[in-house]
Amino acid sequence: MAEHNQLMTNLLEPPIQNDHNKKKPHTKSKSRRFCRTRSAPSIEPELPSSRPNETETAGRAEFSLGKNLLSSLRPSFRLAASCLIIYLLVGCTCFYFVQNQMAGKKTNSILDALYFTIVTMTTVGYGDLVPNSVTTKLLACAFVFIGMGVVALLLSKAADRIVEKQEVLLFKAMNLRMKGGDAELLKAIEMNKVQYKFYATTVFLVFLILVGIFFLWKVEKLDLVDAFYCVCATITTLGYGDKSFSSESGRIFAIFWIVVSTIIVAQFYFYLAELSTEHKQKKLAKWVLTRRTTIVDLEAADLDGDHNVGAPEFIIYKLKELGKITEEDIEVILEEFESLDVDQNGTLSTYDLTLAQSNQQQ
């Protein structure tokens, strides 16, 4: 462990050569040395006069960052859509051919088969259409497990992408006076990502509830209380069955509305839990970063045991206290460093990397 501690100190703070003619670096410059790397560029704006062509360079960096962030928000539904279509086609075909073994209120053969597949996949299970034979019961058991997998693994990811798109629109609406381009906008979103996802999901969920109530009231001729009751029983997948979509037009609407609304409800509670966890993490971080440092803290942060705590040691100690990194993570990083440090001098160079790669190829 002592070797690892020394390696970590050498890695983050190489030995300073004795040169009395050189001035000590300014504290602000030293802070930037630890805060900025090529893999994690600083978001702190530089002064225009700091170097030539700064505006042009910053513009290119901002465009690159904005492009990367925007590309991450583009939804890709190919896999989710393919699996959903295959599931619905197979389910609709199977239940179409066994429709004479189904009991309940029927409208159109194909529509009823697709409607029953959707109700089974989302586990709503109204009971207005039920299996009435051994074959249909076994089919329903198989399709409910497969459908839950489709919803959990694929459609929820697709819904998450939709929410991210709505998140951007919601943020723009809430911050109309905010100055800056797409890069600045997306940086601000990233800082409160979970919060804006929760807001966007809430708005979308309220919209779906209102649409469902209005449709059941106008088309299915339910009163407002029963319509609200049916919507709540549906989106929470309770599916009591005393109120459901019984008309042909109602089931056409339900095919789309049930899938979207049940997934959005699941996302809503997921983001709510995530928001609560994030709030607790922020409270912990604030406490760790603002509390007074004690002698016990200095002793714990002294990795190399020289009774002096440098900036790298202090940073590592605070990261461990915040839960951002563990002792096991440090051990793995140091093992990788040791394997790359071929000449065992405590530093890495291009020579070390080239030699380490050639050794791995052999």
Protein backbone atom coordinates (compact mmCIF):
# COMPACT_ATOMS: atom_id res chain seq x y z
CA MET A 1 0.00 0.00 0.00
CA ALA A 2 2.95 2.31 0.72
CA GLU A 3 4.15 1.87 -2.88
CA HIS A 4 0.69 2.72 -4.15
CA ASN A 5 0.55 5.84 -2.01
CA GLN A 6 3.93 7.00 -3.31
CA LEU A 7 2.87 6.25 -6.89
CA MET A 8 -0.31 8.25 -6.48
CA THR A 9 1.65 11.21 -5.12
CA ASN A 10 4.19 11.03 -7.95
CA LEU A 11 1.44 10.63 -10.53
CA LEU A 12 -0.54 13.71 -9.52
CA GLU A 13 2.32 15.87 -8.27
CA PRO A 14 5.71 15.08 -9.88
CA PRO A 15 8.79 16.04 -7.83
CA ILE A 16 9.76 19.72 -8.18
CA GLN A 17 13.34 20.35 -9.22
CA ASN A 18 15.43 22.72 -7.08
CA ASP A 19 15.54 25.92 -9.04
CA HIS A 20 15.56 29.04 -6.93
CA ASN A 21 15.44 31.29 -9.97
CA LYS A 22 11.95 30.11 -10.88
CA LYS A 23 8.96 31.72 -9.21
CA LYS A 24 6.31 29.60 -7.59
CA PRO A 25 3.18 29.27 -9.71
CA HIS A 26 0.27 31.43 -8.77
CA THR A 27 -2.39 29.72 -6.65
CA LYS A 28 -5.05 30.24 -9.32
CA SER A 29 -2.84 28.70 -11.99
CA LYS A 30 -2.14 25.74 -9.70
CA SER A 31 -5.88 25.23 -9.17
CA ARG A 32 -6.48 25.23 -12.91
CA ARG A 33 -3.75 22.61 -13.34
CA PHE A 34 -5.84 20.16 -11.31
CA CYS A 35 -9.21 21.24 -12.71
CA ARG A 36 -8.40 21.09 -16.40
CA THR A 37 -7.27 18.26 -18.63
CA ARG A 38 -7.60 17.57 -22.33
CA SER A 39 -10.25 14.91 -21.68
CA ALA A 40 -12.24 17.28 -19.45
CA PRO A 41 -12.04 20.79 -20.93
CA SER A 42 -12.77 23.71 -18.69
CA ILE A 43 -16.15 25.40 -19.03
CA GLU A 44 -14.72 28.51 -17.41
CA PRO A 45 -14.58 31.31 -19.99
CA GLU A 46 -11.13 32.71 -20.79
CA LEU A 47 -10.31 36.38 -21.22
CA PRO A 48 -10.26 37.49 -24.87
CA SER A 49 -6.75 38.86 -24.51
CA SER A 50 -5.26 35.71 -23.01
CA ARG A 51 -3.96 34.47 -26.35
CA PRO A 52 -4.32 35.21 -30.06
CA ASN A 53 -7.33 33.94 -31.97
CA GLU A 54 -9.04 33.10 -28.67
CA THR A 55 -12.50 33.93 -29.99
CA GLU A 56 -12.14 31.65 -32.95
CA THR A 57 -10.78 28.79 -30.83
CA ALA A 58 -13.52 29.18 -28.21
CA GLY A 59 -16.13 29.26 -30.96
CA ARG A 60 -14.89 25.98 -32.36
CA ALA A 61 -14.84 24.41 -28.89
CA GLU A 62 -18.37 25.63 -28.14
CA PHE A 63 -19.63 24.32 -31.47
CA SER A 64 -17.98 20.95 -30.86
CA LEU A 65 -19.43 20.65 -27.36
CA GLY A 66 -22.86 21.72 -28.52
CA LYS A 67 -22.75 19.26 -31.39
CA ASN A 68 -21.82 16.38 -29.08
CA LEU A 69 -24.54 17.24 -26.59
CA LEU A 70 -27.15 17.66 -29.29
CA SER A 71 -26.22 14.33 -30.87
CA SER A 72 -26.72 12.61 -27.51
CA LEU A 73 -30.29 13.92 -27.39
CA ARG A 74 -31.31 12.47 -30.76
CA PRO A 75 -33.65 9.55 -30.15
CA SER A 76 -32.92 6.21 -31.81
CA PHE A 77 -36.02 4.05 -31.76
CA ARG A 78 -34.96 1.47 -34.32
CA LEU A 79 -34.44 -1.45 -31.92
CA ALA A 80 -37.38 -0.56 -29.67
CA ALA A 81 -39.73 -0.09 -32.62
CA SER A 82 -38.62 -3.35 -34.26
CA CYS A 83 -39.15 -5.40 -31.10
CA LEU A 84 -42.51 -3.77 -30.44
CA ILE A 85 -43.75 -4.35 -33.98
CA ILE A 86 -42.64 -8.00 -33.92
CA TYR A 87 -44.27 -8.54 -30.53
CA LEU A 88 -47.55 -6.94 -31.63
CA LEU A 89 -47.64 -8.79 -34.95
CA VAL A 90 -47.02 -12.18 -33.35
CA GLY A 91 -49.45 -11.46 -30.51
CA CYS A 92 -52.15 -10.15 -32.81
CA THR A 93 -51.80 -13.15 -35.12
CA CYS A 94 -51.92 -15.69 -32.28
CA PHE A 95 -54.93 -14.18 -30.54
CA TYR A 96 -56.72 -13.62 -33.84
CA PHE A 97 -56.69 -17.35 -34.60
CA VAL A 98 -57.91 -18.24 -31.10
CA GLN A 99 -60.55 -15.51 -30.84
CA ASN A 100 -63.31 -18.10 -30.61
CA GLN A 101 -61.63 -19.24 -27.37
CA MET A 102 -61.84 -15.74 -25.84
CA ALA A 103 -64.71 -14.57 -23.66
CA GLY A 104 -65.95 -11.02 -23.17
CA LYS A 105 -67.24 -8.08 -25.18
CA LYS A 106 -65.97 -8.20 -28.77
CA THR A 107 -65.95 -5.61 -31.56
CA ASN A 108 -63.65 -6.36 -34.52
CA SER A 109 -61.59 -9.57 -34.70
CA ILE A 110 -58.25 -7.98 -35.63
CA LEU A 111 -58.82 -4.95 -33.40
CA ASP A 112 -59.74 -7.12 -30.43
CA ALA A 113 -56.66 -9.29 -30.90
CA LEU A 114 -54.39 -6.24 -31.01
CA TYR A 115 -56.22 -4.60 -28.10
CA PHE A 116 -55.86 -7.75 -25.96
CA THR A 117 -52.12 -7.92 -26.84
CA ILE A 118 -51.63 -4.32 -25.69
CA VAL A 119 -53.61 -4.82 -22.48
CA THR A 120 -51.56 -7.96 -21.77
CA MET A 121 -48.21 -6.34 -22.56
CA THR A 122 -48.84 -3.36 -20.25
CA THR A 123 -50.35 -5.64 -17.52
CA VAL A 124 -53.50 -3.48 -17.41
CA GLY A 125 -55.74 -6.56 -17.67
CA TYR A 126 -59.20 -5.01 -17.68
CA GLY A 127 -61.00 -8.35 -17.86
CA ASP A 128 -63.32 -7.20 -20.64
CA LEU A 129 -61.58 -9.80 -22.86
CA VAL A 130 -60.29 -12.95 -21.13
CA PRO A 131 -58.81 -16.29 -22.19
CA ASN A 132 -61.37 -19.07 -22.04
CA SER A 133 -59.33 -22.19 -22.87
CA VAL A 134 -56.06 -23.90 -21.96
CA THR A 135 -54.40 -22.70 -25.17
CA THR A 136 -55.32 -19.05 -24.76
CA LYS A 137 -54.40 -19.07 -21.07
CA LEU A 138 -50.92 -20.45 -21.83
CA LEU A 139 -50.50 -17.90 -24.64
CA ALA A 140 -51.49 -15.07 -22.31
CA CYS A 141 -48.96 -16.26 -19.70
CA ALA A 142 -46.17 -16.30 -22.28
CA PHE A 143 -47.05 -12.92 -23.78
CA VAL A 144 -47.36 -11.13 -20.44
CA PHE A 145 -43.77 -12.03 -19.47
CA ILE A 146 -42.37 -11.18 -22.89
CA GLY A 147 -44.39 -7.96 -22.99
CA MET A 148 -43.08 -6.84 -19.61
CA GLY A 149 -39.55 -7.34 -20.93
CA VAL A 150 -40.31 -5.29 -24.04
CA VAL A 151 -41.71 -2.46 -21.93
CA ALA A 152 -38.99 -2.52 -19.28
CA LEU A 153 -35.91 -2.90 -21.49
CA LEU A 154 -36.81 -1.19 -24.72
CA LEU A 155 -39.84 1.08 -24.66
CA SER A 156 -38.78 2.76 -21.40
CA LYS A 157 -35.49 3.75 -23.08
CA ALA A 158 -37.39 5.13 -26.04
CA ALA A 159 -39.67 7.05 -23.67
CA ASP A 160 -36.60 8.43 -21.91
CA ARG A 161 -35.39 9.82 -25.24
CA ILE A 162 -38.78 11.44 -25.85
CA VAL A 163 -38.62 13.05 -22.41
CA GLU A 164 -35.15 14.41 -23.17
CA LYS A 165 -36.53 16.17 -26.24
CA GLN A 166 -39.40 17.63 -24.21
CA GLU A 167 -36.88 18.57 -21.52
CA VAL A 168 -35.09 20.93 -23.92
CA LEU A 169 -38.36 22.58 -24.99
CA LEU A 170 -39.45 22.95 -21.37
CA PHE A 171 -36.14 24.49 -20.36
CA LYS A 172 -36.33 26.99 -23.22
CA ALA A 173 -39.84 27.94 -22.20
CA MET A 174 -38.78 28.46 -18.56
CA ASN A 175 -35.64 30.42 -19.49
CA LEU A 176 -36.69 32.62 -22.40
CA ARG A 177 -34.36 35.42 -21.34
CA MET A 178 -31.30 33.22 -21.04
CA LYS A 179 -28.47 34.38 -23.27
CA GLY A 180 -26.14 32.06 -25.18
CA GLY A 181 -26.31 29.47 -27.91
CA ASP A 182 -27.14 25.76 -27.90
CA ALA A 183 -23.95 24.88 -26.03
CA GLU A 184 -24.76 27.20 -23.12
CA LEU A 185 -28.35 25.99 -23.09
CA LEU A 186 -27.39 22.33 -22.96
CA LYS A 187 -24.73 22.94 -20.32
CA ALA A 188 -27.43 24.46 -18.11
CA ILE A 189 -29.74 21.51 -18.79
CA GLU A 190 -26.99 19.03 -17.93
CA MET A 191 -26.52 20.64 -14.51
CA ASN A 192 -30.20 20.01 -13.63
CA LYS A 193 -30.89 17.08 -15.92
CA VAL A 194 -32.97 14.95 -13.55
CA GLN A 195 -35.01 17.93 -12.39
CA TYR A 196 -36.01 18.98 -15.91
CA LYS A 197 -36.72 15.36 -16.89
CA PHE A 198 -39.09 15.14 -13.94
CA TYR A 199 -40.80 18.40 -14.95
CA ALA A 200 -41.13 17.30 -18.57
CA THR A 201 -42.54 13.91 -17.57
CA THR A 202 -45.02 15.56 -15.21
CA VAL A 203 -46.31 17.89 -17.92
CA PHE A 204 -46.60 15.02 -20.42
CA LEU A 205 -48.38 12.82 -17.85
CA VAL A 206 -50.93 15.51 -17.00
CA PHE A 207 -51.59 16.00 -20.71
CA LEU A 208 -52.18 12.25 -21.23
CA ILE A 209 -54.53 12.09 -18.23
CA LEU A 210 -56.60 14.98 -19.55
CA VAL A 211 -56.75 13.47 -23.04
CA GLY A 212 -57.85 10.10 -21.61
CA ILE A 213 -60.57 11.69 -19.44
CA PHE A 214 -61.88 13.76 -22.34
CA PHE A 215 -62.01 10.73 -24.68
CA LEU A 216 -63.79 8.48 -22.17
CA TRP A 217 -66.25 11.26 -21.41
CA LYS A 218 -67.03 12.09 -25.05
CA VAL A 219 -66.69 8.72 -26.82
CA GLU A 220 -67.31 6.07 -24.16
CA LYS A 221 -70.05 8.25 -22.57
CA LEU A 222 -68.71 7.96 -19.03
CA ASP A 223 -69.27 10.74 -16.54
CA LEU A 224 -66.22 12.74 -15.47
CA VAL A 225 -65.70 10.86 -12.21
CA ASP A 226 -65.88 7.44 -13.90
CA ALA A 227 -63.62 8.69 -16.71
CA PHE A 228 -61.02 9.87 -14.19
CA TYR A 229 -61.41 6.60 -12.27
CA CYS A 230 -60.86 4.54 -15.45
CA VAL A 231 -57.81 6.63 -16.43
CA CYS A 232 -56.20 6.15 -13.01
CA ALA A 233 -56.94 2.42 -13.01
CA THR A 234 -55.40 2.14 -16.47
CA ILE A 235 -52.21 4.17 -16.22
CA THR A 236 -51.32 2.54 -12.88
CA THR A 237 -52.06 -0.89 -14.47
CA LEU A 238 -54.64 -1.74 -11.77
CA GLY A 239 -57.22 -2.52 -14.43
CA TYR A 240 -60.22 -3.20 -12.20
CA GLY A 241 -62.29 -3.92 -15.29
CA ASP A 242 -65.60 -2.38 -14.27
CA LYS A 243 -64.80 0.57 -16.56
CA SER A 244 -62.89 0.09 -19.81
CA PHE A 245 -62.80 0.85 -23.54
CA SER A 246 -65.72 -1.10 -24.94
CA SER A 247 -66.42 0.57 -28.30
CA GLU A 248 -64.48 0.02 -31.53
CA SER A 249 -63.23 3.62 -31.68
CA GLY A 250 -62.39 3.46 -27.98
CA ARG A 251 -60.18 0.41 -28.46
CA ILE A 252 -58.39 2.03 -31.41
CA PHE A 253 -57.59 4.98 -29.15
CA ALA A 254 -56.64 2.67 -26.26
CA ILE A 255 -54.07 0.80 -28.38
CA PHE A 256 -51.91 3.92 -28.54
CA TRP A 257 -52.90 5.70 -25.35
CA ILE A 258 -52.40 2.77 -22.96
CA VAL A 259 -48.86 2.06 -24.19
CA VAL A 260 -47.70 5.67 -23.91
CA SER A 261 -49.47 6.51 -20.64
CA THR A 262 -48.36 3.43 -18.67
CA ILE A 263 -44.73 3.95 -19.69
CA ILE A 264 -44.82 7.65 -18.83
CA VAL A 265 -46.20 6.86 -15.37
CA ALA A 266 -43.33 4.44 -14.79
CA GLN A 267 -40.86 7.11 -15.94
CA PHE A 268 -42.52 9.68 -13.69
CA TYR A 269 -41.94 7.62 -10.54
CA PHE A 270 -38.45 6.67 -11.68
CA TYR A 271 -37.46 10.33 -12.07
CA LEU A 272 -39.16 11.18 -8.78
CA ALA A 273 -37.00 8.60 -6.97
CA GLU A 274 -33.92 9.76 -8.88
CA LEU A 275 -34.65 13.39 -7.98
CA SER A 276 -34.93 12.47 -4.31
CA THR A 277 -31.62 10.58 -4.45
CA GLU A 278 -29.92 13.47 -6.24
CA HIS A 279 -31.21 15.92 -3.61
CA LYS A 280 -29.71 13.78 -0.84
CA GLN A 281 -26.41 13.54 -2.73
CA LYS A 282 -26.28 17.33 -3.13
CA LYS A 283 -26.92 17.81 0.57
CA LEU A 284 -24.10 15.39 1.37
CA ALA A 285 -21.77 17.15 -1.08
CA LYS A 286 -22.59 20.55 0.41
CA TRP A 287 -21.88 19.26 3.90
CA VAL A 288 -18.59 17.65 2.87
CA LEU A 289 -17.36 20.70 0.96
CA THR A 290 -18.36 23.30 3.54
CA ARG A 291 -17.55 21.63 6.85
CA ARG A 292 -14.40 22.61 8.71
CA THR A 293 -11.35 20.45 8.05
CA THR A 294 -9.93 18.87 11.21
CA ILE A 295 -6.62 17.28 12.20
CA VAL A 296 -8.28 13.89 11.83
CA ASP A 297 -9.09 14.76 8.21
CA LEU A 298 -5.48 15.73 7.53
CA GLU A 299 -4.23 12.46 8.99
CA ALA A 300 -6.68 10.50 6.86
CA ALA A 301 -5.75 12.48 3.73
CA ASP A 302 -2.00 11.97 4.24
CA LEU A 303 -1.50 9.13 1.75
CA ASP A 304 2.28 8.95 1.81
CA GLY A 305 2.65 9.46 5.56
CA ASP A 306 4.97 12.47 5.34
CA HIS A 307 2.76 14.56 7.69
CA ASN A 308 2.06 17.01 4.85
CA VAL A 309 -1.06 16.96 2.67
CA GLY A 310 -0.66 18.20 -0.87
CA ALA A 311 -3.42 19.26 -3.24
CA PRO A 312 -3.60 15.82 -4.97
CA GLU A 313 -3.94 14.01 -1.65
CA PHE A 314 -6.59 16.45 -0.43
CA ILE A 315 -8.56 16.12 -3.69
CA ILE A 316 -8.50 12.31 -3.49
CA TYR A 317 -9.61 12.40 0.16
CA LYS A 318 -12.55 14.72 -0.63
CA LEU A 319 -13.58 12.60 -3.63
CA LYS A 320 -13.59 9.51 -1.42
CA GLU A 321 -15.63 11.34 1.21
CA LEU A 322 -18.14 12.40 -1.44
CA GLY A 323 -18.44 8.82 -2.63
CA LYS A 324 -17.17 9.72 -6.09
CA ILE A 325 -14.29 7.27 -5.83
CA THR A 326 -13.47 4.30 -3.58
CA GLU A 327 -10.29 2.69 -2.32
CA GLU A 328 -10.88 -0.16 -4.79
CA ASP A 329 -11.05 2.34 -7.67
CA ILE A 330 -7.72 3.82 -6.63
CA GLU A 331 -6.17 0.36 -6.42
CA VAL A 332 -7.33 -0.47 -9.97
CA ILE A 333 -6.00 2.84 -11.32
CA LEU A 334 -2.64 2.35 -9.62
CA GLU A 335 -2.38 -1.20 -10.96
CA GLU A 336 -2.91 0.15 -14.47
CA PHE A 337 -0.30 2.84 -13.82
CA GLU A 338 2.22 0.24 -12.63
CA SER A 339 1.64 -1.89 -15.71
CA LEU A 340 2.23 1.14 -17.98
CA ASP A 341 5.24 2.47 -16.03
CA VAL A 342 7.72 0.11 -17.70
CA ASP A 343 10.90 1.81 -16.48
CA GLN A 344 9.49 2.10 -12.93
CA ASN A 345 10.47 5.76 -12.50
CA GLY A 346 7.09 6.89 -11.15
CA THR A 347 6.06 8.80 -14.29
CA LEU A 348 4.53 7.92 -17.67
CA SER A 349 5.96 8.90 -21.03
CA THR A 350 5.32 8.04 -24.67
CA TYR A 351 8.23 5.63 -24.41
CA ASP A 352 6.48 3.78 -21.57
CA LEU A 353 3.23 3.54 -23.52
CA THR A 354 4.95 2.31 -26.68
CA LEU A 355 6.94 -0.30 -24.79
CA ALA A 356 3.88 -1.44 -22.80
CA GLN A 357 1.82 -1.85 -25.97
CA SER A 358 4.60 -3.81 -27.68
CA ASN A 359 4.84 -6.10 -24.64
CA GLN A 360 1.09 -6.71 -24.73
CA GLN A 361 1.22 -7.60 -28.42
CA GLN A 362 3.95 -10.14 -27.76
